[in-house]
Amino acid sequence: MEHSNEDQQPTTPTIHLDQFLKLMGLMRTGGQAKVVIQAGEVMVNGEVETRRRRQLRDGDCVSWNGEEIVVEFNGE
């Protein structure tokens, strides 16, 4: 039985919350991101988020320490 590509849904790009904080320059290390996230200091879409591996998607809004950054993926 063959599977066609039409059956596969396109994947939505995601990034983990801790990786995003480092990439945006808000955290220097993954360890720092882990501590800040688990302390409940980071908000995603207006709600406290304590899961450092939270999957962020295009349009999510991340807030920490008075800064607010919207997740935007560029490319195809």
PDB file of N, CA and C in Angstrom:
ATOM      1  N   MET A   1       0.845  -1.177   0.000  1.00  0.00           N
ATOM      2  CA  MET A   1       0.000   0.000   0.000  1.00  0.00           C
ATOM      3  C   MET A   1       0.888   1.236   0.000  1.00  0.00           C
ATOM      4  N   GLU A   2       0.627   2.108  -0.934  1.00  0.00           N
ATOM      5  CA  GLU A   2       1.428   3.318  -1.043  1.00  0.00           C
ATOM      6  C   GLU A   2       0.736   4.479  -0.354  1.00  0.00           C
ATOM      7  N   HIS A   3       1.548   5.359   0.214  1.00  0.00           N
ATOM      8  CA  HIS A   3       1.022   6.573   0.841  1.00  0.00           C
ATOM      9  C   HIS A   3       1.399   7.756  -0.037  1.00  0.00           C
ATOM     10  N   SER A   4       0.447   8.585  -0.299  1.00  0.00           N
ATOM     11  CA  SER A   4       0.750   9.766  -1.102  1.00  0.00           C
ATOM     12  C   SER A   4       1.104  10.923  -0.178  1.00  0.00           C
ATOM     13  N   ASN A   5       1.811  11.884  -0.718  1.00  0.00           N
ATOM     14  CA  ASN A   5       2.163  13.078   0.043  1.00  0.00           C
ATOM     15  C   ASN A   5       0.935  13.900   0.390  1.00  0.00           C
ATOM     16  N   GLU A   6      -0.164  13.679  -0.327  1.00  0.00           N
ATOM     17  CA  GLU A   6      -1.383  14.436  -0.065  1.00  0.00           C
ATOM     18  C   GLU A   6      -1.972  14.091   1.297  1.00  0.00           C
ATOM     19  N   ASP A   7      -1.678  12.879   1.800  1.00  0.00           N
ATOM     20  CA  ASP A   7      -2.192  12.461   3.101  1.00  0.00           C
ATOM     21  C   ASP A   7      -1.454  13.124   4.255  1.00  0.00           C
ATOM     22  N   GLN A   8      -0.255  13.596   4.001  1.00  0.00           N
ATOM     23  CA  GLN A   8       0.543  14.210   5.052  1.00  0.00           C
ATOM     24  C   GLN A   8       0.193  15.684   5.177  1.00  0.00           C
ATOM     25  N   GLN A   9      -0.045  16.103   6.408  1.00  0.00           N
ATOM     26  CA  GLN A   9      -0.336  17.510   6.637  1.00  0.00           C
ATOM     27  C   GLN A   9       0.979  18.260   6.784  1.00  0.00           C
ATOM     28  N   PRO A  10       1.020  19.510   6.330  1.00  0.00           N
ATOM     29  CA  PRO A  10       2.253  20.284   6.469  1.00  0.00           C
ATOM     30  C   PRO A  10       2.566  20.494   7.950  1.00  0.00           C
ATOM     31  N   THR A  11       3.851  20.473   8.267  1.00  0.00           N
ATOM     32  CA  THR A  11       4.239  20.668   9.658  1.00  0.00           C
ATOM     33  C   THR A  11       4.306  22.157   9.977  1.00  0.00           C
ATOM     34  N   THR A  12       3.891  22.476  11.172  1.00  0.00           N
ATOM     35  CA  THR A  12       3.948  23.854  11.640  1.00  0.00           C
ATOM     36  C   THR A  12       5.266  24.039  12.374  1.00  0.00           C
ATOM     37  N   PRO A  13       6.051  25.064  12.022  1.00  0.00           N
ATOM     38  CA  PRO A  13       7.322  25.255  12.726  1.00  0.00           C
ATOM     39  C   PRO A  13       7.082  25.607  14.191  1.00  0.00           C
ATOM     40  N   THR A  14       7.920  25.065  15.052  1.00  0.00           N
ATOM     41  CA  THR A  14       7.839  25.346  16.484  1.00  0.00           C
ATOM     42  C   THR A  14       9.244  25.533  17.045  1.00  0.00           C
ATOM     43  N   ILE A  15       9.312  26.106  18.245  1.00  0.00           N
ATOM     44  CA  ILE A  15      10.567  26.238  18.978  1.00  0.00           C
ATOM     45  C   ILE A  15      10.238  26.116  20.457  1.00  0.00           C
ATOM     46  N   HIS A  16      11.136  25.502  21.213  1.00  0.00           N
ATOM     47  CA  HIS A  16      10.922  25.384  22.652  1.00  0.00           C
ATOM     48  C   HIS A  16      11.101  26.753  23.314  1.00  0.00           C
ATOM     49  N   LEU A  17      10.348  26.977  24.366  1.00  0.00           N
ATOM     50  CA  LEU A  17      10.387  28.254  25.082  1.00  0.00           C
ATOM     51  C   LEU A  17      11.795  28.598  25.541  1.00  0.00           C
ATOM     52  N   ASP A  18      12.513  27.656  26.134  1.00  0.00           N
ATOM     53  CA  ASP A  18      13.863  27.963  26.621  1.00  0.00           C
ATOM     54  C   ASP A  18      14.804  28.326  25.470  1.00  0.00           C
ATOM     55  N   GLN A  19      14.678  27.645  24.344  1.00  0.00           N
ATOM     56  CA  GLN A  19      15.507  27.958  23.179  1.00  0.00           C
ATOM     57  C   GLN A  19      15.179  29.348  22.637  1.00  0.00           C
ATOM     58  N   PHE A  20      13.891  29.686  22.624  1.00  0.00           N
ATOM     59  CA  PHE A  20      13.459  30.989  22.122  1.00  0.00           C
ATOM     60  C   PHE A  20      14.039  32.117  22.972  1.00  0.00           C
ATOM     61  N   LEU A  21      14.000  31.965  24.298  1.00  0.00           N
ATOM     62  CA  LEU A  21      14.532  33.001  25.186  1.00  0.00           C
ATOM     63  C   LEU A  21      16.021  33.216  24.948  1.00  0.00           C
ATOM     64  N   LYS A  22      16.769  32.135  24.710  1.00  0.00           N
ATOM     65  CA  LYS A  22      18.200  32.259  24.415  1.00  0.00           C
ATOM     66  C   LYS A  22      18.417  32.897  23.044  1.00  0.00           C
ATOM     67  N   LEU A  23      17.670  32.450  22.058  1.00  0.00           N
ATOM     68  CA  LEU A  23      17.815  32.961  20.697  1.00  0.00           C
ATOM     69  C   LEU A  23      17.546  34.464  20.624  1.00  0.00           C
ATOM     70  N   MET A  24      16.579  34.928  21.407  1.00  0.00           N
ATOM     71  CA  MET A  24      16.221  36.345  21.408  1.00  0.00           C
ATOM     72  C   MET A  24      17.154  37.188  22.283  1.00  0.00           C
ATOM     73  N   GLY A  25      18.106  36.528  22.946  1.00  0.00           N
ATOM     74  CA  GLY A  25      19.075  37.249  23.764  1.00  0.00           C
ATOM     75  C   GLY A  25      18.566  37.648  25.137  1.00  0.00           C
ATOM     76  N   LEU A  26      17.426  37.091  25.549  1.00  0.00           N
ATOM     77  CA  LEU A  26      16.894  37.416  26.869  1.00  0.00           C
ATOM     78  C   LEU A  26      17.600  36.620  27.959  1.00  0.00           C
ATOM     79  N   MET A  27      18.161  35.470  27.613  1.00  0.00           N
ATOM     80  CA  MET A  27      18.891  34.614  28.549  1.00  0.00           C
ATOM     81  C   MET A  27      20.252  34.296  27.949  1.00  0.00           C
ATOM     82  N   ARG A  28      21.249  34.177  28.811  1.00  0.00           N
ATOM     83  CA  ARG A  28      22.584  33.823  28.330  1.00  0.00           C
ATOM     84  C   ARG A  28      22.753  32.319  28.175  1.00  0.00           C
ATOM     85  N   THR A  29      22.106  31.561  29.076  1.00  0.00           N
ATOM     86  CA  THR A  29      22.296  30.106  29.064  1.00  0.00           C
ATOM     87  C   THR A  29      20.961  29.389  29.199  1.00  0.00           C
ATOM     88  N   GLY A  30      20.985  28.112  28.858  1.00  0.00           N
ATOM     89  CA  GLY A  30      19.796  27.289  29.045  1.00  0.00           C
ATOM     90  C   GLY A  30      19.461  27.123  30.516  1.00  0.00           C
ATOM     91  N   GLY A  31      20.491  27.079  31.354  1.00  0.00           N
ATOM     92  CA  GLY A  31      20.272  26.963  32.792  1.00  0.00           C
ATOM     93  C   GLY A  31      19.545  28.168  33.354  1.00  0.00           C
ATOM     94  N   GLN A  32      19.925  29.352  32.892  1.00  0.00           N
ATOM     95  CA  GLN A  32      19.250  30.575  33.327  1.00  0.00           C
ATOM     96  C   GLN A  32      17.795  30.557  32.869  1.00  0.00           C
ATOM     97  N   ALA A  33      17.565  30.144  31.635  1.00  0.00           N
ATOM     98  CA  ALA A  33      16.197  30.075  31.106  1.00  0.00           C
ATOM     99  C   ALA A  33      15.360  29.106  31.930  1.00  0.00           C
ATOM    100  N   LYS A  34      15.932  27.954  32.271  1.00  0.00           N
ATOM    101  CA  LYS A  34      15.219  26.947  33.058  1.00  0.00           C
ATOM    102  C   LYS A  34      14.772  27.520  34.400  1.00  0.00           C
ATOM    103  N   VAL A  35      15.671  28.195  35.101  1.00  0.00           N
ATOM    104  CA  VAL A  35      15.361  28.750  36.421  1.00  0.00           C
ATOM    105  C   VAL A  35      14.254  29.797  36.326  1.00  0.00           C
ATOM    106  N   VAL A  36      14.371  30.708  35.375  1.00  0.00           N
ATOM    107  CA  VAL A  36      13.396  31.791  35.226  1.00  0.00           C
ATOM    108  C   VAL A  36      12.020  31.242  34.840  1.00  0.00           C
ATOM    109  N   ILE A  37      11.997  30.280  33.932  1.00  0.00           N
ATOM    110  CA  ILE A  37      10.723  29.687  33.498  1.00  0.00           C
ATOM    111  C   ILE A  37      10.072  28.932  34.652  1.00  0.00           C
ATOM    112  N   GLN A  38      10.831  28.075  35.324  1.00  0.00           N
ATOM    113  CA  GLN A  38      10.266  27.275  36.407  1.00  0.00           C
ATOM    114  C   GLN A  38       9.858  28.118  37.610  1.00  0.00           C
ATOM    115  N   ALA A  39      10.408  29.327  37.735  1.00  0.00           N
ATOM    116  CA  ALA A  39      10.024  30.240  38.814  1.00  0.00           C
ATOM    117  C   ALA A  39       8.715  30.961  38.496  1.00  0.00           C
ATOM    118  N   GLY A  40       8.192  30.748  37.289  1.00  0.00           N
ATOM    119  CA  GLY A  40       6.924  31.371  36.907  1.00  0.00           C
ATOM    120  C   GLY A  40       7.053  32.819  36.483  1.00  0.00           C
ATOM    121  N   GLU A  41       8.249  33.208  36.029  1.00  0.00           N
ATOM    122  CA  GLU A  41       8.494  34.596  35.642  1.00  0.00           C
ATOM    123  C   GLU A  41       8.208  34.877  34.167  1.00  0.00           C
ATOM    124  N   VAL A  42       7.937  33.834  33.389  1.00  0.00           N
ATOM    125  CA  VAL A  42       7.711  33.993  31.949  1.00  0.00           C
ATOM    126  C   VAL A  42       6.238  33.751  31.639  1.00  0.00           C
ATOM    127  N   MET A  43       5.695  34.593  30.764  1.00  0.00           N
ATOM    128  CA  MET A  43       4.306  34.427  30.338  1.00  0.00           C
ATOM    129  C   MET A  43       4.268  34.146  28.838  1.00  0.00           C
ATOM    130  N   VAL A  44       3.341  33.281  28.441  1.00  0.00           N
ATOM    131  CA  VAL A  44       3.097  33.003  27.027  1.00  0.00           C
ATOM    132  C   VAL A  44       1.622  33.271  26.774  1.00  0.00           C
ATOM    133  N   ASN A  45       1.361  34.185  25.866  1.00  0.00           N
ATOM    134  CA  ASN A  45      -0.015  34.574  25.525  1.00  0.00           C
ATOM    135  C   ASN A  45      -0.804  34.997  26.765  1.00  0.00           C
ATOM    136  N   GLY A  46      -0.134  35.739  27.654  1.00  0.00           N
ATOM    137  CA  GLY A  46      -0.800  36.297  28.828  1.00  0.00           C
ATOM    138  C   GLY A  46      -0.963  35.358  30.002  1.00  0.00           C
ATOM    139  N   GLU A  47      -0.423  34.141  29.915  1.00  0.00           N
ATOM    140  CA  GLU A  47      -0.536  33.175  31.007  1.00  0.00           C
ATOM    141  C   GLU A  47       0.851  32.713  31.449  1.00  0.00           C
ATOM    142  N   VAL A  48       1.025  32.553  32.765  1.00  0.00           N
ATOM    143  CA  VAL A  48       2.301  32.073  33.296  1.00  0.00           C
ATOM    144  C   VAL A  48       2.589  30.692  32.721  1.00  0.00           C
ATOM    145  N   GLU A  49       3.826  30.517  32.265  1.00  0.00           N
ATOM    146  CA  GLU A  49       4.243  29.231  31.687  1.00  0.00           C
ATOM    147  C   GLU A  49       5.454  28.721  32.451  1.00  0.00           C
ATOM    148  N   THR A  50       5.369  27.516  33.000  1.00  0.00           N
ATOM    149  CA  THR A  50       6.475  26.945  33.769  1.00  0.00           C
ATOM    150  C   THR A  50       7.124  25.750  33.072  1.00  0.00           C
ATOM    151  N   ARG A  51       6.677  25.447  31.858  1.00  0.00           N
ATOM    152  CA  ARG A  51       7.269  24.330  31.097  1.00  0.00           C
ATOM    153  C   ARG A  51       8.309  24.884  30.135  1.00  0.00           C
ATOM    154  N   ARG A  52       9.564  24.579  30.378  1.00  0.00           N
ATOM    155  CA  ARG A  52      10.616  25.141  29.522  1.00  0.00           C
ATOM    156  C   ARG A  52      10.592  24.554  28.120  1.00  0.00           C
ATOM    157  N   ARG A  53      10.019  23.371  27.956  1.00  0.00           N
ATOM    158  CA  ARG A  53       9.933  22.735  26.639  1.00  0.00           C
ATOM    159  C   ARG A  53       8.618  23.059  25.937  1.00  0.00           C
ATOM    160  N   ARG A  54       7.898  24.028  26.424  1.00  0.00           N
ATOM    161  CA  ARG A  54       6.642  24.453  25.790  1.00  0.00           C
ATOM    162  C   ARG A  54       6.917  24.767  24.328  1.00  0.00           C
ATOM    163  N   GLN A  55       6.107  24.225  23.445  1.00  0.00           N
ATOM    164  CA  GLN A  55       6.257  24.454  22.010  1.00  0.00           C
ATOM    165  C   GLN A  55       5.617  25.789  21.642  1.00  0.00           C
ATOM    166  N   LEU A  56       6.416  26.709  21.155  1.00  0.00           N
ATOM    167  CA  LEU A  56       5.900  27.996  20.696  1.00  0.00           C
ATOM    168  C   LEU A  56       5.643  27.921  19.201  1.00  0.00           C
ATOM    169  N   ARG A  57       4.577  28.581  18.790  1.00  0.00           N
ATOM    170  CA  ARG A  57       4.206  28.617  17.375  1.00  0.00           C
ATOM    171  C   ARG A  57       4.141  30.064  16.901  1.00  0.00           C
ATOM    172  N   ASP A  58       4.107  30.231  15.605  1.00  0.00           N
ATOM    173  CA  ASP A  58       4.011  31.550  14.996  1.00  0.00           C
ATOM    174  C   ASP A  58       2.858  32.328  15.621  1.00  0.00           C
ATOM    175  N   GLY A  59       3.136  33.544  16.074  1.00  0.00           N
ATOM    176  CA  GLY A  59       2.101  34.397  16.643  1.00  0.00           C
ATOM    177  C   GLY A  59       2.006  34.362  18.156  1.00  0.00           C
ATOM    178  N   ASP A  60       2.657  33.379  18.811  1.00  0.00           N
ATOM    179  CA  ASP A  60       2.654  33.346  20.272  1.00  0.00           C
ATOM    180  C   ASP A  60       3.391  34.574  20.805  1.00  0.00           C
ATOM    181  N   CYS A  61       2.939  35.086  21.941  1.00  0.00           N
ATOM    182  CA  CYS A  61       3.540  36.267  22.558  1.00  0.00           C
ATOM    183  C   CYS A  61       4.213  35.854  23.864  1.00  0.00           C
ATOM    184  N   VAL A  62       5.517  36.082  23.957  1.00  0.00           N
ATOM    185  CA  VAL A  62       6.299  35.720  25.139  1.00  0.00           C
ATOM    186  C   VAL A  62       6.669  36.993  25.887  1.00  0.00           C
ATOM    187  N   SER A  63       6.400  37.013  27.202  1.00  0.00           N
ATOM    188  CA  SER A  63       6.703  38.179  28.036  1.00  0.00           C
ATOM    189  C   SER A  63       7.619  37.778  29.182  1.00  0.00           C
ATOM    190  N   TRP A  64       8.623  38.620  29.426  1.00  0.00           N
ATOM    191  CA  TRP A  64       9.522  38.422  30.567  1.00  0.00           C
ATOM    192  C   TRP A  64      10.212  39.737  30.890  1.00  0.00           C
ATOM    193  N   ASN A  65      10.239  40.073  32.168  1.00  0.00           N
ATOM    194  CA  ASN A  65      11.000  41.225  32.650  1.00  0.00           C
ATOM    195  C   ASN A  65      10.653  42.514  31.903  1.00  0.00           C
ATOM    196  N   GLY A  66       9.378  42.713  31.628  1.00  0.00           N
ATOM    197  CA  GLY A  66       8.936  43.935  30.958  1.00  0.00           C
ATOM    198  C   GLY A  66       9.082  43.928  29.447  1.00  0.00           C
ATOM    199  N   GLU A  67       9.628  42.857  28.892  1.00  0.00           N
ATOM    200  CA  GLU A  67       9.771  42.752  27.436  1.00  0.00           C
ATOM    201  C   GLU A  67       8.730  41.792  26.895  1.00  0.00           C
ATOM    202  N   GLU A  68       8.233  42.104  25.714  1.00  0.00           N
ATOM    203  CA  GLU A  68       7.234  41.271  25.058  1.00  0.00           C
ATOM    204  C   GLU A  68       7.690  41.021  23.626  1.00  0.00           C
ATOM    205  N   ILE A  69       7.788  39.746  23.257  1.00  0.00           N
ATOM    206  CA  ILE A  69       8.252  39.386  21.916  1.00  0.00           C
ATOM    207  C   ILE A  69       7.263  38.414  21.291  1.00  0.00           C
ATOM    208  N   VAL A  70       6.882  38.701  20.056  1.00  0.00           N
ATOM    209  CA  VAL A  70       5.979  37.823  19.318  1.00  0.00           C
ATOM    210  C   VAL A  70       6.817  36.862  18.473  1.00  0.00           C
ATOM    211  N   VAL A  71       6.474  35.591  18.541  1.00  0.00           N
ATOM    212  CA  VAL A  71       7.185  34.560  17.780  1.00  0.00           C
ATOM    213  C   VAL A  71       6.826  34.711  16.307  1.00  0.00           C
ATOM    214  N   GLU A  72       7.861  34.815  15.466  1.00  0.00           N
ATOM    215  CA  GLU A  72       7.653  34.915  14.020  1.00  0.00           C
ATOM    216  C   GLU A  72       8.652  34.009  13.324  1.00  0.00           C
ATOM    217  N   PHE A  73       8.147  33.099  12.525  1.00  0.00           N
ATOM    218  CA  PHE A  73       9.005  32.227  11.731  1.00  0.00           C
ATOM    219  C   PHE A  73       9.060  32.786  10.317  1.00  0.00           C
ATOM    220  N   ASN A  74      10.259  32.893   9.786  1.00  0.00           N
ATOM    221  CA  ASN A  74      10.441  33.352   8.405  1.00  0.00           C
ATOM    222  C   ASN A  74      10.758  32.152   7.537  1.00  0.00           C
ATOM    223  N   GLY A  75      10.480  32.267   6.282  1.00  0.00           N
ATOM    224  CA  GLY A  75      10.833  31.194   5.357  1.00  0.00           C
ATOM    225  C   GLY A  75       9.614  30.498   4.822  1.00  0.00           C
ATOM    226  N   GLU A  76       9.864  29.321   4.277  1.00  0.00           N
ATOM    227  CA  GLU A  76       8.811  28.574   3.594  1.00  0.00           C
ATOM    228  C   GLU A  76       7.950  27.816   4.556  1.00  0.00           C
TER     229      GLU A  76
END
